[in-house]
Amino acid sequence: MSAPHAKRAWRRPVLGVAVTAAVAVSTMAYASAGQAPPARDGAPAPAAGPLDDTYYDGAVGKTGAELKSALHDIIDEQTALSYDEVWEALKITDEDPGNPDNVVLLYSGRSQAKGTNGGEANDWNREHVWAKSHGDFGTATGPGTDIHHLRPEDVSVNATRGNLDFDEGGSPVDEAPGSLVDGDSFEPRDEVKGDVARMILYMAVRYEGSDGFPDLEPNDQVDNGSAPAMGRLAVLKQWNTEDPPNAFETARNDKIFGIQKNRNPFVDHPEWVAEIWK
């Protein structure tokens, strides 16, 4: 294994500058692939651009624990946001491709005005896909503000999901067509099952117990409570296969790279999930 790169201190961005960079990175990524930016969610994802060849250079040819370690060393170089700055970042990363005034809600699939963020009924708020109580990291800068797993969601749907693990089965969720919930798990709609899986597995690679943050790991159970674990791994692996990255998810990864300066490797290389978690 190559020697890990030198660590850099996290930097607090000026969000306006970061957002401009996000748009530029997203545009360049599609241009480098010889394609236009996506017009809508569900469109085929563009081919990987030249960035892929250099960003992941330290991971090429590795597998298992070595691959996981190499990816951690790559993606832990990032710019940190405050929890307040997350509001503005999500208005960029989750913008509705068909309506730039709106964001797309993760579990609901609803397009909603960006300005309706807040805590009142029918507002959208910041959903932690890796529930912040799983490891008790709260909303402190770090895993609590990492926009790779923070998504806009309807306030009531966010409350319904709570800190449940992910699994299949349950009863329909009001205001989230296609999503199901029971006493110990939440199942998102089919269109974002793979997105959820790749966000969870990103967190498991990015947060390995260093920097004062908990060591987050997926496991094959539910009801994980406050343990730094999220399940169920077998189901997440299945969702990653059944729902590969689409253009919306790929563009979101590009935008986050512009803002936060790191990428979700499983959006760029979903096949690496099976290489790490055999």
Protein backbone atom coordinates (compact mmCIF):
# COMPACT_ATOMS: atom_id res chain seq x y z
CA MET A 1 0.00 0.00 0.00
CA SER A 2 1.25 3.43 -0.84
CA ALA A 3 2.00 5.75 2.06
CA PRO A 4 -0.99 7.81 3.17
CA HIS A 5 -0.97 11.41 2.08
CA ALA A 6 -0.26 14.19 4.54
CA LYS A 7 -3.25 15.46 6.49
CA ARG A 8 -4.51 18.99 6.04
CA ALA A 9 -6.60 20.94 8.51
CA TRP A 10 -10.23 21.33 7.54
CA ARG A 11 -11.04 24.73 6.10
CA ARG A 12 -14.17 26.80 6.61
CA PRO A 13 -15.39 27.91 3.16
CA VAL A 14 -16.91 31.17 2.09
CA LEU A 15 -20.04 29.51 0.83
CA GLY A 16 -20.69 31.92 -2.05
CA VAL A 17 -17.25 31.10 -3.48
CA ALA A 18 -17.79 27.40 -2.86
CA VAL A 19 -21.15 27.44 -4.64
CA THR A 20 -19.60 29.14 -7.68
CA ALA A 21 -16.93 26.44 -7.71
CA ALA A 22 -19.60 23.77 -7.43
CA VAL A 23 -21.38 24.97 -10.54
CA ALA A 24 -18.09 25.22 -12.44
CA VAL A 25 -17.00 21.71 -11.42
CA SER A 26 -20.36 20.23 -12.38
CA THR A 27 -20.29 21.91 -15.80
CA MET A 28 -16.69 20.88 -16.47
CA ALA A 29 -17.38 17.28 -15.45
CA TYR A 30 -20.03 16.89 -18.13
CA ALA A 31 -18.03 18.83 -20.71
CA SER A 32 -15.03 16.56 -20.14
CA ALA A 33 -17.26 13.57 -20.80
CA GLY A 34 -18.50 15.16 -24.01
CA GLN A 35 -22.05 15.44 -22.68
CA ALA A 36 -24.49 18.13 -21.62
CA PRO A 37 -25.57 18.39 -17.97
CA PRO A 38 -28.60 16.23 -17.10
CA ALA A 39 -32.02 17.60 -17.91
CA ARG A 40 -33.97 15.51 -15.39
CA ASP A 41 -33.69 12.92 -12.65
CA GLY A 42 -33.64 9.39 -14.02
CA ALA A 43 -31.63 10.18 -17.16
CA PRO A 44 -28.59 8.00 -17.84
CA ALA A 45 -25.50 9.09 -15.94
CA PRO A 46 -22.64 10.55 -18.02
CA ALA A 47 -19.36 8.71 -18.42
CA ALA A 48 -16.66 9.46 -15.87
CA GLY A 49 -14.43 12.37 -16.81
CA PRO A 50 -10.63 12.69 -16.53
CA LEU A 51 -10.94 13.66 -12.86
CA ASP A 52 -11.62 10.01 -12.09
CA ASP A 53 -8.19 8.94 -13.34
CA THR A 54 -6.28 11.16 -10.92
CA TYR A 55 -8.55 11.52 -7.89
CA TYR A 56 -8.68 7.78 -7.24
CA ASP A 57 -5.14 6.98 -8.29
CA GLY A 58 -4.21 5.70 -4.81
CA ALA A 59 -7.08 3.20 -4.83
CA VAL A 60 -6.54 1.59 -8.21
CA GLY A 61 -5.80 -2.14 -8.05
CA LYS A 62 -6.73 -2.52 -4.37
CA THR A 63 -9.51 -4.56 -2.83
CA GLY A 64 -11.02 -5.36 0.55
CA ALA A 65 -9.58 -3.57 3.59
CA GLU A 66 -6.76 -2.05 1.51
CA LEU A 67 -9.27 -0.43 -0.84
CA LYS A 68 -11.34 0.90 2.06
CA SER A 69 -8.23 2.38 3.68
CA ALA A 70 -7.02 3.93 0.42
CA LEU A 71 -10.40 5.53 -0.24
CA HIS A 72 -10.50 6.91 3.30
CA ASP A 73 -7.13 8.54 2.77
CA ILE A 74 -8.47 10.16 -0.41
CA ILE A 75 -11.87 11.39 0.75
CA ASP A 76 -10.95 12.62 4.23
CA GLU A 77 -9.42 15.69 2.59
CA GLN A 78 -12.44 17.98 2.68
CA THR A 79 -13.70 21.44 3.50
CA ALA A 80 -16.02 21.56 6.51
CA LEU A 81 -19.35 23.38 6.58
CA SER A 82 -21.21 24.70 9.57
CA TYR A 83 -24.71 23.35 10.15
CA ASP A 84 -26.17 26.71 9.08
CA GLU A 85 -24.18 26.63 5.83
CA VAL A 86 -25.73 23.26 5.03
CA TRP A 87 -29.05 25.01 4.25
CA GLU A 88 -27.51 26.96 1.35
CA ALA A 89 -25.41 24.03 0.16
CA LEU A 90 -28.46 21.77 -0.18
CA LYS A 91 -30.19 24.40 -2.30
CA ILE A 92 -27.36 23.84 -4.79
CA THR A 93 -26.72 20.10 -4.49
CA ASP A 94 -30.39 19.05 -4.58
CA GLU A 95 -31.73 21.62 -7.01
CA ASP A 96 -34.54 20.32 -9.20
CA PRO A 97 -33.07 20.07 -12.74
CA GLY A 98 -36.47 21.06 -14.12
CA ASN A 99 -37.02 24.04 -11.80
CA PRO A 100 -34.03 25.97 -10.42
CA ASP A 101 -36.24 27.58 -7.75
CA ASN A 102 -36.88 24.20 -6.12
CA VAL A 103 -35.12 21.29 -4.44
CA VAL A 104 -36.09 17.61 -4.76
CA LEU A 105 -36.96 15.94 -1.46
CA LEU A 106 -35.16 12.62 -0.97
CA TYR A 107 -37.83 10.21 0.28
CA SER A 108 -40.89 12.16 -0.90
CA GLY A 109 -39.62 12.82 -4.42
CA ARG A 110 -41.49 16.12 -4.26
CA SER A 111 -40.13 19.28 -5.88
CA GLN A 112 -40.44 22.09 -3.34
CA ALA A 113 -39.49 25.76 -3.23
CA LYS A 114 -36.00 26.36 -1.88
CA GLY A 115 -37.27 29.13 0.38
CA THR A 116 -39.61 26.81 2.31
CA ASN A 117 -36.83 25.35 4.45
CA GLY A 118 -37.47 25.38 8.19
CA GLY A 119 -39.19 23.46 10.95
CA GLU A 120 -42.90 24.06 10.33
CA ALA A 121 -45.39 21.57 8.87
CA ASN A 122 -44.76 21.03 5.13
CA ASP A 123 -41.39 22.81 5.29
CA TRP A 124 -38.31 20.88 4.25
CA ASN A 125 -35.42 20.36 6.64
CA ARG A 126 -32.03 18.63 6.79
CA GLU A 127 -32.29 14.85 6.87
CA HIS A 128 -29.25 12.94 8.18
CA VAL A 129 -29.32 9.77 6.09
CA TRP A 130 -26.80 8.25 8.52
CA ALA A 131 -28.90 9.08 11.59
CA LYS A 132 -26.90 11.41 13.82
CA SER A 133 -27.78 9.41 16.94
CA HIS A 134 -25.99 6.37 15.48
CA GLY A 135 -22.62 7.35 16.94
CA ASP A 136 -24.03 10.38 18.76
CA PHE A 137 -22.25 12.94 16.55
CA GLY A 138 -25.17 15.35 16.47
CA THR A 139 -24.85 18.42 14.22
CA ALA A 140 -21.27 19.30 15.10
CA THR A 141 -18.99 20.13 12.19
CA GLY A 142 -17.84 16.81 10.74
CA PRO A 143 -20.18 13.89 10.16
CA GLY A 144 -23.07 16.04 11.42
CA THR A 145 -22.58 18.54 8.57
CA ASP A 146 -21.23 16.32 5.79
CA ILE A 147 -23.46 17.11 2.81
CA HIS A 148 -22.76 13.76 1.17
CA HIS A 149 -25.42 12.31 3.50
CA LEU A 150 -27.53 15.39 4.27
CA ARG A 151 -30.59 15.77 2.07
CA PRO A 152 -33.71 17.95 1.91
CA GLU A 153 -36.82 16.20 3.23
CA ASP A 154 -40.34 17.08 4.35
CA VAL A 155 -40.40 17.79 8.09
CA SER A 156 -42.97 15.12 8.90
CA VAL A 157 -41.33 12.47 6.73
CA ASN A 158 -37.98 13.24 8.37
CA ALA A 159 -39.63 12.72 11.77
CA THR A 160 -41.18 9.43 10.61
CA ARG A 161 -37.82 8.11 9.49
CA GLY A 162 -36.24 9.33 12.75
CA ASN A 163 -33.15 7.25 13.50
CA LEU A 164 -34.42 4.00 11.99
CA ASP A 165 -32.06 1.66 10.19
CA PHE A 166 -32.74 0.78 6.55
CA ASP A 167 -34.49 -2.45 5.58
CA GLU A 168 -37.44 -3.62 3.49
CA GLY A 169 -41.09 -3.81 4.50
CA GLY A 170 -43.62 -1.89 6.52
CA SER A 171 -46.56 0.45 6.01
CA PRO A 172 -46.82 3.36 3.56
CA VAL A 173 -45.39 6.68 4.70
CA ASP A 174 -47.63 9.74 4.43
CA GLU A 175 -46.19 12.32 1.99
CA ALA A 176 -43.52 9.87 0.75
CA PRO A 177 -45.10 7.68 -1.94
CA GLY A 178 -43.29 4.35 -2.30
CA SER A 179 -41.55 4.58 1.08
CA LEU A 180 -42.40 2.15 3.90
CA VAL A 181 -41.82 2.16 7.65
CA ASP A 182 -42.18 -0.25 10.56
CA GLY A 183 -41.03 -0.33 14.18
CA ASP A 184 -37.32 -0.83 13.46
CA SER A 185 -36.62 0.17 9.86
CA PHE A 186 -37.36 2.50 6.97
CA GLU A 187 -37.51 1.61 3.28
CA PRO A 188 -37.10 4.54 0.84
CA ARG A 189 -38.81 4.71 -2.53
CA ASP A 190 -37.23 2.58 -5.28
CA GLU A 191 -35.79 5.59 -7.15
CA VAL A 192 -33.38 6.47 -4.32
CA LYS A 193 -32.61 3.11 -2.72
CA GLY A 194 -29.15 3.02 -4.30
CA ASP A 195 -28.54 6.66 -3.37
CA VAL A 196 -29.26 5.83 0.28
CA ALA A 197 -26.96 2.80 0.19
CA ARG A 198 -24.07 4.75 -1.32
CA MET A 199 -24.47 7.59 1.21
CA ILE A 200 -24.36 5.15 4.13
CA LEU A 201 -21.30 3.36 2.76
CA TYR A 202 -19.55 6.67 2.06
CA MET A 203 -19.95 7.55 5.74
CA ALA A 204 -18.46 4.20 6.74
CA VAL A 205 -15.34 4.89 4.68
CA ARG A 206 -14.99 8.59 5.50
CA TYR A 207 -15.36 8.30 9.30
CA GLU A 208 -12.98 5.69 10.64
CA GLY A 209 -12.54 6.85 14.24
CA SER A 210 -9.95 9.57 13.58
CA ASP A 211 -10.32 13.35 13.92
CA GLY A 212 -12.26 12.83 17.15
CA PHE A 213 -15.26 11.35 15.29
CA PRO A 214 -16.77 7.88 15.82
CA ASP A 215 -15.81 4.88 13.69
CA LEU A 216 -18.95 4.39 11.60
CA GLU A 217 -19.60 0.92 10.18
CA PRO A 218 -22.51 -0.80 8.44
CA ASN A 219 -23.77 -4.08 9.87
CA ASP A 220 -26.45 -6.61 9.03
CA GLN A 221 -28.95 -5.76 11.72
CA VAL A 222 -31.55 -3.15 12.63
CA ASP A 223 -32.29 -1.46 15.96
CA ASN A 224 -28.69 -0.24 16.24
CA GLY A 225 -29.73 2.58 18.57
CA SER A 226 -26.84 4.85 19.57
CA ALA A 227 -24.13 2.44 18.38
CA PRO A 228 -22.01 3.89 15.53
CA ALA A 229 -23.55 1.35 13.16
CA MET A 230 -26.23 1.30 10.46
CA GLY A 231 -28.01 -1.61 8.84
CA ARG A 232 -28.85 -3.67 7.07
CA LEU A 233 -25.71 -4.18 5.04
CA ALA A 234 -27.04 -7.03 2.88
CA VAL A 235 -30.01 -4.89 1.86
CA LEU A 236 -27.85 -1.82 1.19
CA LYS A 237 -25.60 -3.88 -1.07
CA GLN A 238 -28.65 -5.12 -2.95
CA TRP A 239 -29.99 -1.58 -3.36
CA ASN A 240 -26.62 -0.39 -4.67
CA THR A 241 -26.85 -3.02 -7.42
CA GLU A 242 -30.51 -2.62 -8.25
CA ASP A 243 -30.49 1.21 -8.36
CA PRO A 244 -27.21 2.37 -9.97
CA PRO A 245 -26.23 6.06 -10.00
CA ASN A 246 -28.28 8.24 -12.33
CA ALA A 247 -27.57 11.70 -13.71
CA PHE A 248 -29.04 13.53 -10.70
CA GLU A 249 -26.86 11.61 -8.23
CA THR A 250 -23.77 12.02 -10.41
CA ALA A 251 -24.33 15.76 -10.78
CA ARG A 252 -24.87 16.02 -7.01
CA ASN A 253 -21.51 14.35 -6.41
CA ASP A 254 -19.85 16.85 -8.76
CA LYS A 255 -21.46 19.80 -6.98
CA ILE A 256 -20.39 18.53 -3.55
CA PHE A 257 -16.85 18.18 -4.89
CA GLY A 258 -17.00 21.88 -5.73
CA ILE A 259 -18.27 22.82 -2.27
CA GLN A 260 -16.81 20.24 0.11
CA LYS A 261 -13.81 19.18 -2.00
CA ASN A 262 -14.33 15.44 -1.68
CA ARG A 263 -16.35 12.84 -3.54
CA ASN A 264 -18.48 9.80 -2.79
CA PRO A 265 -16.43 7.00 -4.37
CA PHE A 266 -19.43 4.69 -4.63
CA VAL A 267 -21.24 7.12 -6.92
CA ASP A 268 -18.20 7.15 -9.21
CA HIS A 269 -17.48 3.42 -8.74
CA PRO A 270 -20.51 1.51 -7.40
CA GLU A 271 -18.66 -1.74 -8.11
CA TRP A 272 -16.29 -0.95 -5.23
CA VAL A 273 -19.09 -1.76 -2.74
CA ALA A 274 -18.75 -5.46 -3.50
CA GLU A 275 -14.95 -5.20 -3.43
CA ILE A 276 -14.97 -3.92 0.16
CA TRP A 277 -18.00 -5.66 1.70
CA LYS A 278 -17.79 -9.20 0.34
